[in-house]
N, C-alpha and C. Protein backbone atom coordinates (compact mmCIF):
# COMPACT_ATOMS: atom_id res chain seq x y z
N MET A 1 -15.14 2.22 8.97
CA MET A 1 -14.38 2.60 9.97
C MET A 1 -14.35 4.14 10.48
N ASN A 2 -13.96 4.79 11.11
CA ASN A 2 -14.64 6.11 11.54
C ASN A 2 -12.26 7.05 13.24
N ALA A 3 -12.40 7.56 13.91
CA ALA A 3 -11.52 7.94 14.11
C ALA A 3 -10.53 7.78 15.02
N HIS A 4 -11.55 6.29 15.16
CA HIS A 4 -10.45 5.14 16.28
C HIS A 4 -10.47 4.11 15.64
N THR A 5 -8.53 4.13 16.75
CA THR A 5 -7.73 2.29 16.80
C THR A 5 -8.89 2.00 16.22
N GLY A 6 -9.58 1.47 17.39
CA GLY A 6 -10.19 0.17 17.40
C GLY A 6 -11.21 -0.61 16.75
N SER A 7 -11.47 0.68 15.50
CA SER A 7 -12.73 -0.08 14.19
C SER A 7 -11.33 -0.18 13.33
N PHE A 8 -10.33 -0.52 13.73
CA PHE A 8 -9.42 -0.55 12.21
C PHE A 8 -10.05 -2.34 12.36
N THR A 9 -10.29 -2.72 11.05
CA THR A 9 -10.45 -3.91 10.97
C THR A 9 -9.11 -5.14 11.26
N ASP A 10 -8.98 -5.95 11.76
CA ASP A 10 -7.85 -7.23 12.38
C ASP A 10 -7.16 -7.40 11.09
N LEU A 11 -8.25 -7.04 9.94
CA LEU A 11 -7.39 -7.16 8.29
C LEU A 11 -6.24 -5.89 8.14
N GLN A 12 -6.67 -5.04 8.08
CA GLN A 12 -5.99 -3.69 8.10
C GLN A 12 -4.70 -3.65 9.03
N LEU A 13 -4.70 -4.30 9.94
CA LEU A 13 -3.49 -4.18 11.65
C LEU A 13 -3.00 -5.93 10.81
N LEU A 14 -3.12 -6.55 10.03
CA LEU A 14 -2.42 -7.62 9.72
C LEU A 14 -1.56 -7.00 7.98
N GLN A 15 -1.94 -6.29 7.51
CA GLN A 15 -1.83 -5.82 6.55
C GLN A 15 -0.38 -4.77 6.56
N LEU A 16 -0.83 -4.35 7.90
CA LEU A 16 0.18 -3.65 8.77
C LEU A 16 1.67 -4.53 8.75
N GLN A 17 1.46 -5.33 8.89
CA GLN A 17 2.36 -6.81 9.41
C GLN A 17 3.77 -6.45 8.04
N ARG A 18 3.28 -6.25 7.06
CA ARG A 18 3.85 -6.49 5.89
C ARG A 18 5.49 -5.07 5.57
N LEU A 19 4.93 -4.56 7.02
CA LEU A 19 5.57 -2.54 7.15
C LEU A 19 7.17 -3.37 8.21
N CYS A 20 7.00 -3.97 8.82
CA CYS A 20 7.44 -3.88 9.91
C CYS A 20 7.67 -5.04 10.40
N ASN A 21 9.05 -5.20 11.30
CA ASN A 21 9.41 -5.84 11.67
C ASN A 21 8.84 -7.57 12.51
N GLY A 22 8.03 -7.39 13.60
CA GLY A 22 7.17 -7.28 14.35
C GLY A 22 6.22 -7.09 14.15
N THR A 23 4.77 -7.64 15.79
CA THR A 23 3.75 -7.43 15.09
C THR A 23 3.12 -6.23 15.05
N PRO A 24 1.95 -5.99 14.47
CA PRO A 24 1.30 -4.21 15.17
C PRO A 24 -0.10 -4.35 15.79
N ARG A 25 -0.41 -3.77 17.29
CA ARG A 25 -1.36 -4.23 18.22
C ARG A 25 -1.58 -2.75 18.46
N ARG A 26 -2.79 -2.91 18.68
CA ARG A 26 -3.50 -1.94 19.45
C ARG A 26 -3.85 -1.71 20.84
N ILE A 27 -3.30 -0.02 21.24
CA ILE A 27 -3.38 0.54 23.12
C ILE A 27 -3.75 1.24 23.33
N GLN A 28 -4.76 2.11 23.59
CA GLN A 28 -4.96 2.79 24.38
C GLN A 28 -4.02 3.07 25.80
N GLU A 29 -3.89 3.97 26.03
CA GLU A 29 -2.66 3.92 27.44
C GLU A 29 -2.94 6.50 27.38
N GLY A 30 -3.28 7.08 28.36
CA GLY A 30 -3.44 8.61 28.17
C GLY A 30 -5.52 8.96 27.83
N GLY A 31 -6.25 8.22 27.80
CA GLY A 31 -7.62 8.17 26.98
C GLY A 31 -7.06 8.51 25.09
N ARG A 32 -6.17 7.95 25.27
CA ARG A 32 -6.00 7.89 23.51
C ARG A 32 -5.66 5.99 22.92
N ASP A 33 -6.15 6.36 21.31
CA ASP A 33 -5.38 5.13 20.47
C ASP A 33 -4.36 5.54 20.01
N TYR A 34 -4.10 4.25 19.89
CA TYR A 34 -2.60 4.11 19.17
C TYR A 34 -2.37 2.51 18.51
N ILE A 35 -2.00 3.08 17.55
CA ILE A 35 -0.96 1.45 17.27
C ILE A 35 0.47 1.23 16.91
N LEU A 36 0.92 0.00 17.80
CA LEU A 36 1.82 0.28 17.89
C LEU A 36 2.88 -0.73 16.76
N LEU A 37 3.89 -0.32 16.03
CA LEU A 37 4.44 -0.88 15.14
C LEU A 37 5.55 -1.25 15.07
N PRO A 38 5.82 -2.80 15.34
CA PRO A 38 7.96 -2.60 16.02
C PRO A 38 8.57 -2.82 14.98
N GLY A 39 9.49 -2.05 15.05
CA GLY A 39 10.35 -2.25 13.40
C GLY A 39 10.23 -2.07 12.07
N LEU A 40 8.86 -0.48 12.47
CA LEU A 40 8.56 -0.33 10.74
C LEU A 40 9.90 0.33 10.16
N ARG A 41 10.19 -0.48 8.94
CA ARG A 41 11.44 -0.67 7.59
C ARG A 41 10.32 0.67 6.72
N PHE A 42 11.90 1.43 6.84
CA PHE A 42 12.24 2.87 6.33
C PHE A 42 12.81 2.66 4.58
N ALA A 43 12.22 2.36 3.45
CA ALA A 43 13.44 1.94 2.40
C ALA A 43 13.72 3.12 2.40
N GLY A 44 15.55 3.01 1.56
CA GLY A 44 15.83 4.58 0.51
C GLY A 44 17.27 3.94 -0.39
N ALA A 45 17.23 4.85 -0.97
CA ALA A 45 18.34 4.53 -2.08
C ALA A 45 19.69 3.84 -1.20
N SER A 46 19.60 4.41 0.19
CA SER A 46 21.04 3.98 0.67
C SER A 46 21.02 2.58 1.67
N GLY A 47 19.53 2.36 1.62
CA GLY A 47 19.29 0.56 2.09
C GLY A 47 18.62 0.87 3.06
N SER A 48 18.17 -0.21 4.05
CA SER A 48 16.61 0.00 4.69
C SER A 48 17.07 0.25 6.39
N ARG A 49 16.46 1.17 7.64
CA ARG A 49 16.42 0.65 8.02
C ARG A 49 15.09 1.00 8.80
N ALA A 50 15.04 1.42 10.31
CA ALA A 50 13.89 0.25 11.51
C ALA A 50 13.57 1.13 12.46
N CYS A 51 12.44 1.43 13.00
CA CYS A 51 12.27 2.12 13.91
C CYS A 51 10.62 1.51 14.17
N ASP A 52 11.13 1.70 15.85
CA ASP A 52 9.55 0.95 16.29
C ASP A 52 8.89 2.38 16.16
N ALA A 53 7.81 2.75 15.92
CA ALA A 53 6.92 3.86 16.14
C ALA A 53 5.09 3.39 16.29
N LEU A 54 4.56 4.03 16.43
CA LEU A 54 2.60 4.91 16.93
C LEU A 54 2.63 5.44 15.58
N LEU A 55 0.83 4.93 15.75
CA LEU A 55 0.05 5.26 15.52
C LEU A 55 -1.23 5.88 15.80
N GLU A 56 -1.57 7.20 15.76
CA GLU A 56 -2.48 7.45 16.06
C GLU A 56 -3.54 8.22 15.40
N THR A 57 -4.25 7.51 14.93
CA THR A 57 -5.51 8.10 13.73
C THR A 57 -6.21 8.15 15.03
N ASN A 58 -6.19 9.31 16.02
CA ASN A 58 -8.12 9.87 16.22
C ASN A 58 -6.66 11.44 17.42
N HIS A 59 -5.87 11.44 16.36
CA HIS A 59 -5.00 12.23 16.85
C HIS A 59 -6.28 14.41 17.60
N ARG A 60 -5.78 14.89 18.49
CA ARG A 60 -6.78 15.99 19.40
C ARG A 60 -6.48 17.39 18.49
N ASN A 61 -5.34 17.38 17.65
CA ASN A 61 -5.31 18.33 16.31
C ASN A 61 -6.30 18.57 15.52
N GLY A 62 -7.25 18.60 15.34
CA GLY A 62 -7.66 18.56 13.19
C GLY A 62 -7.03 18.89 12.14
N THR A 63 -5.32 19.97 11.72
CA THR A 63 -4.59 19.72 11.39
C THR A 63 -4.12 18.76 11.27
N TYR A 64 -3.91 18.09 11.71
CA TYR A 64 -2.82 16.68 12.50
C TYR A 64 -3.61 15.69 12.46
N PRO A 65 -4.78 15.38 11.33
CA PRO A 65 -5.52 14.16 12.61
C PRO A 65 -4.88 12.64 13.16
N THR A 66 -3.87 12.80 12.25
CA THR A 66 -3.10 11.45 12.47
C THR A 66 -1.93 11.93 12.45
N ARG A 67 -0.87 11.06 13.50
CA ARG A 67 0.13 10.87 13.94
C ARG A 67 1.07 10.12 13.85
N LEU A 68 2.34 9.63 13.39
CA LEU A 68 3.09 8.75 13.54
C LEU A 68 4.48 8.94 14.48
N TYR A 69 4.12 9.13 15.30
CA TYR A 69 5.48 9.33 16.64
C TYR A 69 6.88 7.84 16.14
N LEU A 70 7.92 8.25 16.53
CA LEU A 70 8.50 7.58 16.22
C LEU A 70 9.28 7.37 17.77
N ALA A 71 10.17 5.85 18.05
CA ALA A 71 11.19 5.73 19.03
C ALA A 71 12.33 6.37 19.10
N ALA A 72 12.31 7.60 17.72
CA ALA A 72 14.03 7.57 17.72
C ALA A 72 13.44 9.11 16.53
N LYS A 73 14.49 10.56 17.14
CA LYS A 73 14.37 11.28 15.45
C LYS A 73 15.40 10.58 14.27
N LEU A 74 14.39 9.94 13.47
CA LEU A 74 15.52 9.24 12.35
C LEU A 74 15.99 11.01 11.68
N GLN A 75 16.61 10.97 11.25
CA GLN A 75 16.15 11.50 9.77
C GLN A 75 15.84 10.97 8.36
N PRO A 76 15.85 12.46 7.24
CA PRO A 76 15.53 11.61 6.08
C PRO A 76 16.53 11.88 5.20
N LEU A 77 16.17 10.72 4.33
CA LEU A 77 17.57 10.52 3.34
C LEU A 77 17.48 11.63 2.42
N THR A 78 16.48 12.56 2.50
CA THR A 78 16.77 13.19 0.50
C THR A 78 16.45 14.46 1.30
N LYS A 79 14.73 15.09 2.19
CA LYS A 79 14.65 16.00 2.63
C LYS A 79 14.66 17.12 3.83
N GLN A 80 14.90 17.85 3.29
CA GLN A 80 15.16 18.61 4.81
C GLN A 80 14.55 17.48 6.30
N THR A 81 15.88 17.79 7.49
CA THR A 81 15.49 17.77 8.49
C THR A 81 14.19 18.18 9.66
N PRO A 82 13.05 17.21 9.55
CA PRO A 82 11.93 17.99 10.20
C PRO A 82 11.86 17.91 11.28
N ASN A 83 10.46 19.00 12.27
CA ASN A 83 10.71 19.91 12.63
C ASN A 83 9.23 18.75 13.02
N TRP A 84 10.60 18.48 14.44
CA TRP A 84 10.33 17.53 15.14
C TRP A 84 9.34 18.18 16.40
N HIS A 85 8.10 18.63 17.12
CA HIS A 85 8.20 19.69 17.70
C HIS A 85 6.43 18.25 18.68
N ASP A 86 6.01 17.64 18.57
CA ASP A 86 5.39 17.08 19.41
C ASP A 86 5.90 15.14 19.66
N GLU A 87 5.91 15.71 20.91
CA GLU A 87 6.64 13.77 21.88
C GLU A 87 5.37 13.59 22.90
N THR A 88 5.59 11.98 23.43
CA THR A 88 4.63 11.99 23.96
C THR A 88 5.09 10.78 24.64
N PHE A 89 4.33 9.87 25.80
CA PHE A 89 4.83 8.96 26.75
C PHE A 89 3.57 7.95 26.63
N VAL A 90 4.44 6.52 25.99
CA VAL A 90 3.21 5.40 26.24
C VAL A 90 4.22 4.64 26.83
N GLU A 91 4.22 3.61 27.42
CA GLU A 91 4.41 2.26 27.68
C GLU A 91 5.61 2.66 27.95
N ALA A 92 5.71 3.26 29.07
CA ALA A 92 6.94 3.28 30.07
C ALA A 92 8.28 4.31 28.35
N ARG A 93 7.82 4.51 27.11
CA ARG A 93 8.36 5.47 26.58
C ARG A 93 8.15 6.06 25.89
N MET A 94 9.49 7.20 25.28
CA MET A 94 9.76 8.46 25.11
C MET A 94 9.74 8.07 23.21
N TRP A 95 8.25 8.74 22.59
CA TRP A 95 7.89 9.07 20.72
C TRP A 95 8.36 10.41 21.36
N TYR A 96 8.96 10.77 19.32
CA TYR A 96 8.48 11.86 18.10
C TYR A 96 7.74 11.47 17.88
N SER A 97 7.17 12.85 17.25
CA SER A 97 6.90 13.35 15.81
C SER A 97 7.11 14.24 15.33
N CYS A 98 6.84 14.55 14.12
CA CYS A 98 7.36 15.77 13.21
C CYS A 98 6.13 15.97 12.70
N SER A 99 6.59 17.40 12.05
CA SER A 99 4.96 18.07 11.85
C SER A 99 4.92 17.66 9.93
N TRP A 100 4.13 17.01 9.75
CA TRP A 100 3.82 16.18 8.59
C TRP A 100 2.34 15.96 8.28
N LYS A 101 1.72 17.41 8.01
CA LYS A 101 0.13 17.09 8.43
C LYS A 101 -0.54 16.71 6.66
N ASP A 102 -1.42 16.39 6.57
CA ASP A 102 -2.47 16.39 5.70
C ASP A 102 -3.30 14.63 5.74
N VAL A 103 -2.44 14.66 6.38
CA VAL A 103 -2.48 12.81 6.57
C VAL A 103 -3.77 12.03 7.21
N THR A 104 -4.96 12.27 6.27
CA THR A 104 -6.46 12.21 6.81
C THR A 104 -6.31 10.94 7.31
N ARG A 105 -7.30 10.54 7.77
CA ARG A 105 -7.77 9.17 8.55
C ARG A 105 -8.66 7.99 8.27
N GLU A 106 -9.67 8.99 6.72
CA GLU A 106 -10.69 8.59 5.90
C GLU A 106 -9.19 7.54 5.00
N GLN A 107 -8.71 7.04 5.12
CA GLN A 107 -8.35 6.01 4.78
C GLN A 107 -7.28 4.17 5.29
N PRO A 108 -7.10 3.61 4.14
CA PRO A 108 -6.64 2.50 5.18
C PRO A 108 -4.98 2.93 5.79
N LEU A 109 -5.45 2.10 6.86
CA LEU A 109 -4.42 2.48 7.58
C LEU A 109 -3.17 1.69 6.97
N VAL A 110 -2.24 1.52 5.97
CA VAL A 110 -1.66 0.99 4.67
C VAL A 110 -0.87 2.48 4.68
N ALA A 111 -2.44 3.43 3.57
CA ALA A 111 -1.97 4.27 3.30
C ALA A 111 -1.57 5.86 4.43
N ILE A 112 -2.10 5.46 5.72
CA ILE A 112 -1.58 6.37 6.10
C ILE A 112 -0.17 6.31 7.18
N VAL A 113 -0.23 4.90 6.99
CA VAL A 113 1.51 5.19 7.91
C VAL A 113 2.38 5.03 6.44
N THR A 114 2.01 4.53 5.33
CA THR A 114 2.79 5.25 4.53
C THR A 114 3.15 6.79 3.51
N ALA A 115 1.46 7.08 3.84
CA ALA A 115 2.52 8.41 3.77
C ALA A 115 3.12 9.83 4.34
N HIS A 116 2.96 8.78 5.96
CA HIS A 116 3.44 9.21 7.34
C HIS A 116 5.26 9.28 7.00
N MET A 117 5.47 8.31 6.80
CA MET A 117 6.70 7.47 6.22
C MET A 117 7.78 8.64 5.20
N GLU A 118 6.89 9.22 4.49
CA GLU A 118 7.67 10.29 3.38
C GLU A 118 8.07 11.44 4.02
N ALA A 119 7.80 11.83 5.01
CA ALA A 119 8.58 12.52 5.99
C ALA A 119 10.19 12.26 5.92
N PHE A 120 10.52 11.22 5.54
CA PHE A 120 11.77 10.29 6.04
C PHE A 120 12.38 9.60 4.94
N GLU A 121 11.69 9.68 3.30
CA GLU A 121 12.23 9.58 2.33
C GLU A 121 13.81 10.45 1.96
């Protein structure tokens, strides 16, 4: 696998489905590669919640090589309020990403997504 979502295997995409309420799929828009995660499930002590998400594994900022964008600004269950500072418009929707760095792209997709989800525990 390299920096582009197109190089992740279909098996890795299929493995993401266990985290979602729908089927993940690749999206290319505006020269950027994403994986749509419909109904990404966030579990917590007070129950679970779901939110559509976009995973970008080739983000242009080296400090944040991967980004998880959400369709809504979720609040974490136990951590401080995230620093929502990045937005993108993909497939006619606005998506939001908080500051959550050091999630490298040199790991399986499931590990990338779950590392980003830690911001909302």
